[in-house]
C-alpha atoms as a PDB file:
ATOM      1  CA  MET A   1     119.540 177.232 175.860  1.00  0.00           C
ATOM      2  CA  GLY A   2     120.167 179.426 172.814  1.00  0.00           C
ATOM      3  CA  ARG A   3     117.371 181.907 170.506  1.00  0.00           C
ATOM      4  CA  VAL A   4     113.593 181.374 170.064  1.00  0.00           C
ATOM      5  CA  SER A   5     111.792 181.951 166.816  1.00  0.00           C
ATOM      6  CA  PHE A   6     108.244 181.875 165.732  1.00  0.00           C
ATOM      7  CA  HIS A   7     109.337 181.371 162.105  1.00  0.00           C
ATOM      8  CA  SER A   8     107.606 178.504 159.839  1.00  0.00           C
ATOM      9  CA  ARG A   9     110.640 178.251 158.184  1.00  0.00           C
ATOM     10  CA  ASP A  10     113.152 177.950 161.013  1.00  0.00           C
ATOM     11  CA  ILE A  11     110.256 175.055 162.494  1.00  0.00           C
ATOM     12  CA  PRO A  12     109.262 174.385 160.261  1.00  0.00           C
ATOM     13  CA  VAL A  13     105.493 174.779 159.778  1.00  0.00           C
ATOM     14  CA  SER A  14     103.952 174.170 156.581  1.00  0.00           C
ATOM     15  CA  GLY A  15     102.260 176.775 154.536  1.00  0.00           C
ATOM     16  CA  PRO A  16     103.418 180.224 153.609  1.00  0.00           C
ATOM     17  CA  PRO A  17     106.557 181.744 155.307  1.00  0.00           C
ATOM     18  CA  ARG A  18     105.591 184.145 158.354  1.00  0.00           C
ATOM     19  CA  GLU A  19     105.395 183.574 161.702  1.00  0.00           C
ATOM     20  CA  VAL A  20     103.083 180.742 163.593  1.00  0.00           C
ATOM     21  CA  LEU A  21     101.267 182.297 166.091  1.00  0.00           C
ATOM     22  CA  ASP A  22      97.418 182.851 167.320  1.00  0.00           C
ATOM     23  CA  GLU A  23      96.425 179.647 164.543  1.00  0.00           C
ATOM     24  CA  GLU A  24      94.295 177.171 164.099  1.00  0.00           C
ATOM     25  CA  ILE A  25      94.571 173.444 164.710  1.00  0.00           C
ATOM     26  CA  SER A  26      91.860 170.432 164.206  1.00  0.00           C
ATOM     27  CA  ALA A  27      92.960 166.944 166.649  1.00  0.00           C
ATOM     28  CA  VAL A  28      90.420 163.909 167.043  1.00  0.00           C
ATOM     29  CA  GLY A  29      87.338 166.831 165.978  1.00  0.00           C
ATOM     30  CA  ARG A  30      88.816 169.272 168.590  1.00  0.00           C
ATOM     31  CA  ILE A  31      89.631 173.293 167.544  1.00  0.00           C
ATOM     32  CA  PHE A  32      92.737 174.942 169.155  1.00  0.00           C
ATOM     33  CA  ARG A  33      94.378 177.584 169.035  1.00  0.00           C
ATOM     34  CA  PHE A  34      98.773 176.825 168.633  1.00  0.00           C
ATOM     35  CA  SER A  35     101.335 178.965 168.203  1.00  0.00           C
ATOM     36  CA  ALA A  36     104.886 177.105 166.776  1.00  0.00           C
ATOM     37  CA  ALA A  37     108.326 177.827 167.787  1.00  0.00           C
ATOM     38  CA  THR A  38     111.951 176.496 167.906  1.00  0.00           C
ATOM     39  CA  ILE A  39     115.013 176.604 170.452  1.00  0.00           C
ATOM     40  CA  GLY A  40     116.129 173.244 168.567  1.00  0.00           C
ATOM     41  CA  ASN A  41     113.575 171.469 168.101  1.00  0.00           C
ATOM     42  CA  PRO A  42     109.862 171.897 167.302  1.00  0.00           C
ATOM     43  CA  HIS A  43     107.150 173.319 169.405  1.00  0.00           C
ATOM     44  CA  CYS A  44     103.185 173.198 169.121  1.00  0.00           C
ATOM     45  CA  VAL A  45     101.790 176.032 172.466  1.00  0.00           C
ATOM     46  CA  VAL A  46      98.348 175.204 172.979  1.00  0.00           C
ATOM     47  CA  PHE A  47      97.177 177.522 175.595  1.00  0.00           C
ATOM     48  CA  VAL A  48      93.620 176.047 177.222  1.00  0.00           C
ATOM     49  CA  ASP A  49      92.001 177.119 180.729  1.00  0.00           C
ATOM     50  CA  THR A  50      92.781 173.603 182.518  1.00  0.00           C
ATOM     51  CA  PRO A  51      96.296 171.345 181.700  1.00  0.00           C
ATOM     52  CA  THR A  52      96.036 167.778 182.293  1.00  0.00           C
ATOM     53  CA  ALA A  53      97.694 164.248 180.835  1.00  0.00           C
ATOM     54  CA  ALA A  54      94.468 163.927 179.921  1.00  0.00           C
ATOM     55  CA  LEU A  55      94.008 166.608 177.236  1.00  0.00           C
ATOM     56  CA  ALA A  56      97.600 165.837 176.812  1.00  0.00           C
ATOM     57  CA  GLN A  57      97.466 161.755 176.113  1.00  0.00           C
ATOM     58  CA  GLU A  58      95.042 162.642 174.065  1.00  0.00           C
ATOM     59  CA  PHE A  59      95.291 165.417 171.720  1.00  0.00           C
ATOM     60  CA  GLY A  60      99.701 165.288 171.823  1.00  0.00           C
ATOM     61  CA  PRO A  61      99.711 162.253 169.594  1.00  0.00           C
ATOM     62  CA  VAL A  62      97.093 163.622 167.575  1.00  0.00           C
ATOM     63  CA  ILE A  63      98.766 167.009 167.203  1.00  0.00           C
ATOM     64  CA  GLU A  64     102.383 165.799 167.027  1.00  0.00           C
ATOM     65  CA  CYS A  65     101.936 163.985 163.524  1.00  0.00           C
ATOM     66  CA  ASP A  66      99.974 166.769 162.180  1.00  0.00           C
ATOM     67  CA  PRO A  67     100.603 166.938 158.455  1.00  0.00           C
ATOM     68  CA  ARG A  68     101.773 170.988 158.841  1.00  0.00           C
ATOM     69  CA  PHE A  69     104.831 170.211 160.761  1.00  0.00           C
ATOM     70  CA  PRO A  70     106.765 168.009 158.595  1.00  0.00           C
ATOM     71  CA  ASN A  71     109.173 166.964 161.088  1.00  0.00           C
ATOM     72  CA  ARG A  72     106.524 166.192 163.328  1.00  0.00           C
ATOM     73  CA  THR A  73     106.608 168.265 167.047  1.00  0.00           C
ATOM     74  CA  ASN A  74     106.472 168.554 170.576  1.00  0.00           C
ATOM     75  CA  VAL A  75     103.542 169.735 172.131  1.00  0.00           C
ATOM     76  CA  GLN A  76     102.783 172.147 174.854  1.00  0.00           C
ATOM     77  CA  PHE A  77      99.532 172.016 176.334  1.00  0.00           C
ATOM     78  CA  VAL A  78      99.532 175.403 178.828  1.00  0.00           C
ATOM     79  CA  GLU A  79      97.540 177.917 181.150  1.00  0.00           C
ATOM     80  CA  VAL A  80      98.359 180.960 182.111  1.00  0.00           C
ATOM     81  CA  VAL A  81      98.774 181.198 185.538  1.00  0.00           C
ATOM     82  CA  ASP A  82      99.210 184.936 185.730  1.00  0.00           C
ATOM     83  CA  ARG A  83     102.366 187.135 184.847  1.00  0.00           C
ATOM     84  CA  ALA A  84     104.644 185.115 186.759  1.00  0.00           C
ATOM     85  CA  ALA A  85     103.947 181.882 186.556  1.00  0.00           C
ATOM     86  CA  LEU A  86     102.408 178.749 183.767  1.00  0.00           C
ATOM     87  CA  SER A  87     101.336 175.729 184.492  1.00  0.00           C
ATOM     88  CA  MET A  88     102.165 173.012 181.535  1.00  0.00           C
ATOM     89  CA  GLU A  89     101.173 169.708 180.645  1.00  0.00           C
ATOM     90  CA  ILE A  90     103.391 168.342 177.662  1.00  0.00           C
ATOM     91  CA  TRP A  91     102.896 164.922 174.336  1.00  0.00           C
ATOM     92  CA  GLU A  92     107.084 164.614 173.786  1.00  0.00           C
ATOM     93  CA  ARG A  93     107.312 164.072 169.975  1.00  0.00           C
ATOM     94  CA  GLY A  94     108.126 160.360 169.369  1.00  0.00           C
ATOM     95  CA  ALA A  95     109.078 159.927 173.400  1.00  0.00           C
ATOM     96  CA  GLY A  96     105.553 160.567 174.632  1.00  0.00           C
ATOM     97  CA  TYR A  97     103.486 161.851 177.915  1.00  0.00           C
ATOM     98  CA  THR A  98     106.355 163.797 179.287  1.00  0.00           C
ATOM     99  CA  LEU A  99     106.675 164.718 183.245  1.00  0.00           C
ATOM    100  CA  ALA A 100     108.635 168.016 182.656  1.00  0.00           C
ATOM    101  CA  SER A 101     111.238 169.556 179.506  1.00  0.00           C
ATOM    102  CA  GLY A 102     113.067 172.160 179.339  1.00  0.00           C
ATOM    103  CA  SER A 103     112.530 173.142 176.085  1.00  0.00           C
ATOM    104  CA  SER A 104     109.197 172.672 176.408  1.00  0.00           C
ATOM    105  CA  SER A 105     109.409 175.397 178.863  1.00  0.00           C
ATOM    106  CA  CYS A 106     111.416 177.956 177.425  1.00  0.00           C
ATOM    107  CA  ALA A 107     108.968 177.547 174.270  1.00  0.00           C
ATOM    108  CA  ALA A 108     106.037 178.534 176.136  1.00  0.00           C
ATOM    109  CA  ALA A 109     107.451 180.905 178.091  1.00  0.00           C
ATOM    110  CA  ALA A 110     109.025 182.296 174.709  1.00  0.00           C
ATOM    111  CA  VAL A 111     105.274 182.416 173.315  1.00  0.00           C
ATOM    112  CA  ALA A 112     102.881 183.800 176.035  1.00  0.00           C
ATOM    113  CA  ARG A 113     105.828 186.399 175.948  1.00  0.00           C
ATOM    114  CA  ARG A 114     105.548 186.732 172.103  1.00  0.00           C
ATOM    115  CA  LEU A 115     101.393 186.654 172.322  1.00  0.00           C
ATOM    116  CA  GLY A 116     101.551 189.729 175.494  1.00  0.00           C
ATOM    117  CA  LEU A 117     100.292 187.275 177.868  1.00  0.00           C
ATOM    118  CA  CYS A 118     103.190 187.112 180.596  1.00  0.00           C
ATOM    119  CA  SER A 119     106.539 188.637 181.723  1.00  0.00           C
ATOM    120  CA  ALA A 120     109.969 188.483 180.284  1.00  0.00           C
ATOM    121  CA  ASP A 121     110.971 186.183 184.027  1.00  0.00           C
ATOM    122  CA  VAL A 122     108.482 183.527 184.815  1.00  0.00           C
ATOM    123  CA  ALA A 123     107.950 179.870 186.463  1.00  0.00           C
ATOM    124  CA  VAL A 124     106.942 177.056 184.781  1.00  0.00           C
ATOM    125  CA  THR A 125     105.325 174.550 186.836  1.00  0.00           C
ATOM    126  CA  MET A 126     104.882 170.665 185.367  1.00  0.00           C
ATOM    127  CA  PRO A 127     104.402 167.302 186.864  1.00  0.00           C
ATOM    128  CA  GLY A 128     108.092 166.860 187.169  1.00  0.00           C
ATOM    129  CA  GLY A 129     108.672 169.764 188.539  1.00  0.00           C
ATOM    130  CA  THR A 130     108.956 173.652 187.838  1.00  0.00           C
ATOM    131  CA  LEU A 131     111.784 175.197 185.783  1.00  0.00           C
ATOM    132  CA  HIS A 132     112.562 179.146 186.030  1.00  0.00           C
ATOM    133  CA  VAL A 133     112.141 180.921 182.364  1.00  0.00           C
ATOM    134  CA  ALA A 134     113.574 184.538 181.170  1.00  0.00           C
ATOM    135  CA  ILE A 135     112.999 185.388 177.597  1.00  0.00           C
ATOM    136  CA  GLY A 136     115.212 188.098 176.497  1.00  0.00           C
ATOM    137  CA  ASP A 137     114.114 191.090 174.334  1.00  0.00           C
ATOM    138  CA  ASP A 138     116.432 188.893 171.642  1.00  0.00           C
ATOM    139  CA  TRP A 139     114.337 185.696 172.714  1.00  0.00           C
ATOM    140  CA  SER A 140     117.465 184.467 173.768  1.00  0.00           C
ATOM    141  CA  ALA A 141     116.142 181.435 176.630  1.00  0.00           C
ATOM    142  CA  THR A 142     117.258 181.474 180.090  1.00  0.00           C
ATOM    143  CA  LEU A 143     116.642 178.119 182.014  1.00  0.00           C
ATOM    144  CA  THR A 144     116.788 177.466 185.741  1.00  0.00           C
ATOM    145  CA  GLY A 145     116.026 174.891 188.518  1.00  0.00           C
ATOM    146  CA  PRO A 146     116.705 172.056 189.940  1.00  0.00           C
ATOM    147  CA  VAL A 147     119.261 169.580 189.057  1.00  0.00           C
ATOM    148  CA  ALA A 148     119.428 164.940 189.725  1.00  0.00           C
ATOM    149  CA  ARG A 149     121.032 162.142 188.967  1.00  0.00           C
ATOM    150  CA  VAL A 150     118.704 159.995 187.941  1.00  0.00           C
ATOM    151  CA  CYS A 151     120.930 157.239 186.754  1.00  0.00           C
ATOM    152  CA  ARG A 152     124.620 155.805 186.343  1.00  0.00           C
ATOM    153  CA  GLY A 153     126.173 153.303 183.996  1.00  0.00           C
ATOM    154  CA  GLU A 154     129.221 152.409 182.518  1.00  0.00           C
ATOM    155  CA  ILE A 155     129.324 152.268 178.297  1.00  0.00           C
ATOM    156  CA  ASP A 156     131.012 148.945 177.041  1.00  0.00           C
ATOM    157  CA  PRO A 157     134.263 149.920 175.726  1.00  0.00           C
ATOM    158  CA  VAL A 158     132.728 147.341 172.409  1.00  0.00           C
ATOM    159  CA  VAL A 159     130.852 150.118 171.954  1.00  0.00           C
ATOM    160  CA  TYR A 160     134.055 152.627 170.150  1.00  0.00           C
ATOM    161  CA  ASN A 161     135.121 149.940 168.586  1.00  0.00           C
ATOM    162  CA  ARG A 162     132.716 148.885 165.856  1.00  0.00           C
ATOM    163  CA  GLY A 163     133.340 150.559 162.785  1.00  0.00           C
END
């Protein structure tokens, strides 16, 4: 999947240059602790006791548009089940509530590992299924999981002739 970075300039997150780890964010009157990461797209990982769809739908859109994220951000609400398992609900930037996401799984696993909350190999369970993430010592992320065709289609040739 690529290499995960926690650096504010890479993600981006406003403020002084730093690794964005275990900071405070407020949304709809509630204070959360978050860490940010990028694996080509921005992620805000929030650890909670029990991630729910309602939690993601209430607080996700507010955090997505927080001014400290100039390009907006994906938001993951994550429970550390044990050293080898995470449970997660996702608010996807520009799309809304999402049942599963590979980049979100990688970001959550990398942040959890960076904070010492899990091992390098973890199962990430979301409403849409479980993916397995391996985080290397260089913060490279490898994602494995099931694959299923969800649609088949054709693109009209006229699309290619637009100039």
